[in-house]
Amino acid sequence: MRWTNTTARLVRGDRILFLSGSCRDLSQKQWLSYQVAALSSLPALEMSSSTTGLKSVDYEIFGEVQGVFFRKYTEEQARKLGLVGWVKNTAQGTVTGQVQGPVEKVNFMKNWLKSVGSPMSRIDKAHFSNEREISKLDFNSFSTRY
């Protein structure tokens, strides 16, 4: 097979979340199109710069999320997306926080929180609450709280 027009999107390490393109199957002399997405892939890996307003949402993540750098990866992901808010561990063994920013990016972060997290985490459940449109951001950056 000969591969052409291949696009791969990587999120962490060598884990491919989305692969698309086409190839030529020389044995059958035909072009095949392919599109493969990992089970934990996020629905929109690229976001347009235009959004329609700001959004705020509180979250609590359940599972094996403490002691696996979940806060560190959450802060890193939020900063990459240009979001503001905070994250912290709770005494109940969960991770909680608030995220604010453009609607598309907040929705992307919600999906990331419930399906990706840190490499060593195990996410059992993500609870989102107090989701609302906001007129201005309440924070200047994204930080870890202790």
C-alpha atoms as a PDB file:
ATOM      1  CA  MET A   1       0.000   0.000   0.000  1.00  0.00           C
ATOM      2  CA  ARG A   2       1.086   3.531  -0.650  1.00  0.00           C
ATOM      3  CA  TRP A   3      -0.128   6.180   1.815  1.00  0.00           C
ATOM      4  CA  THR A   4      -0.856   9.776   0.856  1.00  0.00           C
ATOM      5  CA  ASN A   5      -2.594  12.801   2.367  1.00  0.00           C
ATOM      6  CA  THR A   6      -2.163  11.393   5.862  1.00  0.00           C
ATOM      7  CA  THR A   7      -3.086  13.504   8.869  1.00  0.00           C
ATOM      8  CA  ALA A   8      -2.382  12.355  12.414  1.00  0.00           C
ATOM      9  CA  ARG A   9      -3.226  14.286  15.545  1.00  0.00           C
ATOM     10  CA  LEU A  10      -1.314  13.394  18.712  1.00  0.00           C
ATOM     11  CA  VAL A  11      -2.418  14.392  22.195  1.00  0.00           C
ATOM     12  CA  ARG A  12       0.138  12.756  24.452  1.00  0.00           C
ATOM     13  CA  GLY A  13       3.134  10.609  23.761  1.00  0.00           C
ATOM     14  CA  ASP A  14       2.620   8.427  20.735  1.00  0.00           C
ATOM     15  CA  ARG A  15      -1.113   7.954  21.231  1.00  0.00           C
ATOM     16  CA  ILE A  16      -2.929   8.776  18.006  1.00  0.00           C
ATOM     17  CA  LEU A  17      -6.345  10.199  18.618  1.00  0.00           C
ATOM     18  CA  PHE A  18      -7.288  10.831  15.036  1.00  0.00           C
ATOM     19  CA  LEU A  19      -5.888   9.624  11.721  1.00  0.00           C
ATOM     20  CA  SER A  20      -7.318  10.350   8.307  1.00  0.00           C
ATOM     21  CA  GLY A  21      -6.233  10.202   4.688  1.00  0.00           C
ATOM     22  CA  SER A  22      -6.163   7.784   1.790  1.00  0.00           C
ATOM     23  CA  CYS A  23      -3.988   4.979   0.483  1.00  0.00           C
ATOM     24  CA  ARG A  24      -3.540   3.039  -2.707  1.00  0.00           C
ATOM     25  CA  ASP A  25      -4.075  -0.705  -2.415  1.00  0.00           C
ATOM     26  CA  LEU A  26      -1.694  -1.866  -5.123  1.00  0.00           C
ATOM     27  CA  SER A  27      -3.020  -5.432  -5.083  1.00  0.00           C
ATOM     28  CA  GLN A  28      -6.542  -4.284  -5.971  1.00  0.00           C
ATOM     29  CA  LYS A  29      -5.466  -1.188  -7.927  1.00  0.00           C
ATOM     30  CA  GLN A  30      -7.834   1.141  -6.100  1.00  0.00           C
ATOM     31  CA  TRP A  31      -7.701   4.069  -3.724  1.00  0.00           C
ATOM     32  CA  LEU A  32      -9.066   3.530  -0.232  1.00  0.00           C
ATOM     33  CA  SER A  33     -10.054   6.306   2.125  1.00  0.00           C
ATOM     34  CA  TYR A  34      -9.681   5.803   5.811  1.00  0.00           C
ATOM     35  CA  GLN A  35     -10.542   7.584   8.967  1.00  0.00           C
ATOM     36  CA  VAL A  36      -9.660   6.081  12.329  1.00  0.00           C
ATOM     37  CA  ALA A  37     -10.406   7.573  15.722  1.00  0.00           C
ATOM     38  CA  ALA A  38      -9.353   6.082  19.050  1.00  0.00           C
ATOM     39  CA  LEU A  39     -12.136   5.244  21.520  1.00  0.00           C
ATOM     40  CA  SER A  40     -11.077   8.050  23.806  1.00  0.00           C
ATOM     41  CA  SER A  41     -10.743  10.605  21.037  1.00  0.00           C
ATOM     42  CA  LEU A  42     -12.222  14.007  21.456  1.00  0.00           C
ATOM     43  CA  PRO A  43     -14.905  15.093  18.985  1.00  0.00           C
ATOM     44  CA  ALA A  44     -13.211  18.281  17.826  1.00  0.00           C
ATOM     45  CA  LEU A  45      -9.436  18.380  17.884  1.00  0.00           C
ATOM     46  CA  GLU A  46      -9.198  21.725  16.171  1.00  0.00           C
ATOM     47  CA  MET A  47     -11.220  24.719  17.137  1.00  0.00           C
ATOM     48  CA  SER A  48     -11.871  27.880  15.223  1.00  0.00           C
ATOM     49  CA  SER A  49     -10.703  31.122  16.744  1.00  0.00           C
ATOM     50  CA  SER A  50     -14.192  32.552  16.600  1.00  0.00           C
ATOM     51  CA  THR A  51     -16.531  31.650  19.413  1.00  0.00           C
ATOM     52  CA  THR A  52     -19.932  32.824  20.490  1.00  0.00           C
ATOM     53  CA  GLY A  53     -19.514  34.030  24.041  1.00  0.00           C
ATOM     54  CA  LEU A  54     -18.003  32.931  27.317  1.00  0.00           C
ATOM     55  CA  LYS A  55     -18.928  30.018  29.516  1.00  0.00           C
ATOM     56  CA  SER A  56     -18.166  28.916  33.076  1.00  0.00           C
ATOM     57  CA  VAL A  57     -18.536  25.413  34.510  1.00  0.00           C
ATOM     58  CA  ASP A  58     -17.654  23.725  37.792  1.00  0.00           C
ATOM     59  CA  TYR A  59     -16.426  20.133  37.695  1.00  0.00           C
ATOM     60  CA  GLU A  60     -15.626  17.185  39.931  1.00  0.00           C
ATOM     61  CA  ILE A  61     -13.761  14.170  38.567  1.00  0.00           C
ATOM     62  CA  PHE A  62     -14.095  10.755  40.243  1.00  0.00           C
ATOM     63  CA  GLY A  63     -11.806   7.733  39.929  1.00  0.00           C
ATOM     64  CA  GLU A  64      -8.074   7.298  40.340  1.00  0.00           C
ATOM     65  CA  VAL A  65      -7.293  10.974  39.894  1.00  0.00           C
ATOM     66  CA  GLN A  66      -5.068  11.811  42.854  1.00  0.00           C
ATOM     67  CA  GLY A  67      -1.395  10.912  42.928  1.00  0.00           C
ATOM     68  CA  VAL A  68      -1.343  10.600  39.113  1.00  0.00           C
ATOM     69  CA  PHE A  69      -0.553  14.247  38.212  1.00  0.00           C
ATOM     70  CA  PHE A  70      -4.171  14.922  37.236  1.00  0.00           C
ATOM     71  CA  ARG A  71      -3.983  18.514  38.525  1.00  0.00           C
ATOM     72  CA  LYS A  72      -0.752  19.169  36.626  1.00  0.00           C
ATOM     73  CA  TYR A  73      -2.146  17.866  33.335  1.00  0.00           C
ATOM     74  CA  THR A  74      -5.438  19.707  33.846  1.00  0.00           C
ATOM     75  CA  GLU A  75      -3.634  22.998  34.398  1.00  0.00           C
ATOM     76  CA  GLU A  76      -1.417  22.355  31.370  1.00  0.00           C
ATOM     77  CA  GLN A  77      -4.382  21.495  29.111  1.00  0.00           C
ATOM     78  CA  ALA A  78      -6.380  24.528  30.256  1.00  0.00           C
ATOM     79  CA  ARG A  79      -3.450  26.846  29.600  1.00  0.00           C
ATOM     80  CA  LYS A  80      -2.910  25.353  26.129  1.00  0.00           C
ATOM     81  CA  LEU A  81      -6.543  26.134  25.357  1.00  0.00           C
ATOM     82  CA  GLY A  82      -6.300  29.644  26.810  1.00  0.00           C
ATOM     83  CA  LEU A  83      -8.823  28.917  29.566  1.00  0.00           C
ATOM     84  CA  VAL A  84      -8.867  30.331  33.080  1.00  0.00           C
ATOM     85  CA  GLY A  85      -9.970  28.890  36.406  1.00  0.00           C
ATOM     86  CA  TRP A  86      -8.575  26.472  38.954  1.00  0.00           C
ATOM     87  CA  VAL A  87      -8.136  22.822  39.962  1.00  0.00           C
ATOM     88  CA  LYS A  88      -7.539  21.121  43.314  1.00  0.00           C
ATOM     89  CA  ASN A  89      -7.607  17.759  45.081  1.00  0.00           C
ATOM     90  CA  THR A  90     -10.379  17.138  47.612  1.00  0.00           C
ATOM     91  CA  ALA A  91     -10.328  15.208  50.878  1.00  0.00           C
ATOM     92  CA  GLN A  92     -12.767  12.729  49.271  1.00  0.00           C
ATOM     93  CA  GLY A  93     -10.179  11.632  46.674  1.00  0.00           C
ATOM     94  CA  THR A  94     -11.665  13.553  43.758  1.00  0.00           C
ATOM     95  CA  VAL A  95     -10.387  16.496  41.728  1.00  0.00           C
ATOM     96  CA  THR A  96     -12.565  19.585  41.568  1.00  0.00           C
ATOM     97  CA  GLY A  97     -12.373  22.978  39.939  1.00  0.00           C
ATOM     98  CA  GLN A  98     -13.829  25.596  37.682  1.00  0.00           C
ATOM     99  CA  VAL A  99     -13.038  26.444  34.081  1.00  0.00           C
ATOM    100  CA  GLN A 100     -13.985  29.562  32.130  1.00  0.00           C
ATOM    101  CA  GLY A 101     -13.458  30.764  28.595  1.00  0.00           C
ATOM    102  CA  PRO A 102     -14.908  30.645  25.083  1.00  0.00           C
ATOM    103  CA  VAL A 103     -17.810  28.185  24.773  1.00  0.00           C
ATOM    104  CA  GLU A 104     -16.087  25.868  22.233  1.00  0.00           C
ATOM    105  CA  LYS A 105     -12.924  25.632  24.305  1.00  0.00           C
ATOM    106  CA  VAL A 106     -14.776  25.014  27.572  1.00  0.00           C
ATOM    107  CA  ASN A 107     -16.752  22.228  25.872  1.00  0.00           C
ATOM    108  CA  PHE A 108     -13.484  20.749  24.591  1.00  0.00           C
ATOM    109  CA  MET A 109     -12.023  20.890  28.126  1.00  0.00           C
ATOM    110  CA  LYS A 110     -15.112  19.206  29.580  1.00  0.00           C
ATOM    111  CA  ASN A 111     -14.661  16.329  27.158  1.00  0.00           C
ATOM    112  CA  TRP A 112     -10.942  16.162  27.974  1.00  0.00           C
ATOM    113  CA  LEU A 113     -11.700  16.058  31.717  1.00  0.00           C
ATOM    114  CA  LYS A 114     -14.165  13.173  31.392  1.00  0.00           C
ATOM    115  CA  SER A 115     -12.268  11.079  28.843  1.00  0.00           C
ATOM    116  CA  VAL A 116      -8.518  11.812  28.827  1.00  0.00           C
ATOM    117  CA  GLY A 117      -7.037  13.340  31.995  1.00  0.00           C
ATOM    118  CA  SER A 118      -3.491  12.436  32.965  1.00  0.00           C
ATOM    119  CA  PRO A 119      -1.748   9.395  31.449  1.00  0.00           C
ATOM    120  CA  MET A 120      -1.932   7.305  34.637  1.00  0.00           C
ATOM    121  CA  SER A 121      -5.420   8.360  35.747  1.00  0.00           C
ATOM    122  CA  ARG A 122      -8.597   6.290  35.641  1.00  0.00           C
ATOM    123  CA  ILE A 123     -11.678   8.444  35.232  1.00  0.00           C
ATOM    124  CA  ASP A 124     -14.842   6.762  36.501  1.00  0.00           C
ATOM    125  CA  LYS A 125     -17.194   9.740  36.346  1.00  0.00           C
ATOM    126  CA  ALA A 126     -17.156  13.468  35.665  1.00  0.00           C
ATOM    127  CA  HIS A 127     -19.798  15.687  37.241  1.00  0.00           C
ATOM    128  CA  PHE A 128     -20.353  19.156  35.772  1.00  0.00           C
ATOM    129  CA  SER A 129     -22.471  21.762  37.523  1.00  0.00           C
ATOM    130  CA  ASN A 130     -23.240  25.470  37.622  1.00  0.00           C
ATOM    131  CA  GLU A 131     -22.770  25.661  33.842  1.00  0.00           C
ATOM    132  CA  ARG A 132     -23.639  29.132  32.627  1.00  0.00           C
ATOM    133  CA  GLU A 133     -22.892  31.864  30.132  1.00  0.00           C
ATOM    134  CA  ILE A 134     -20.827  34.709  31.563  1.00  0.00           C
ATOM    135  CA  SER A 135     -20.138  38.230  30.340  1.00  0.00           C
ATOM    136  CA  LYS A 136     -16.541  38.397  31.639  1.00  0.00           C
ATOM    137  CA  LEU A 137     -13.908  36.060  33.059  1.00  0.00           C
ATOM    138  CA  ASP A 138     -13.535  35.885  36.850  1.00  0.00           C
ATOM    139  CA  PHE A 139      -9.870  34.785  36.705  1.00  0.00           C
ATOM    140  CA  ASN A 140      -6.699  35.987  34.954  1.00  0.00           C
ATOM    141  CA  SER A 141      -5.127  32.525  34.509  1.00  0.00           C
ATOM    142  CA  PHE A 142      -5.533  28.870  35.362  1.00  0.00           C
ATOM    143  CA  SER A 143      -3.970  27.713  38.632  1.00  0.00           C
ATOM    144  CA  THR A 144      -3.711  24.814  41.052  1.00  0.00           C
ATOM    145  CA  ARG A 145      -5.221  25.390  44.471  1.00  0.00           C
ATOM    146  CA  TYR A 146      -4.082  23.633  47.624  1.00  0.00           C
END
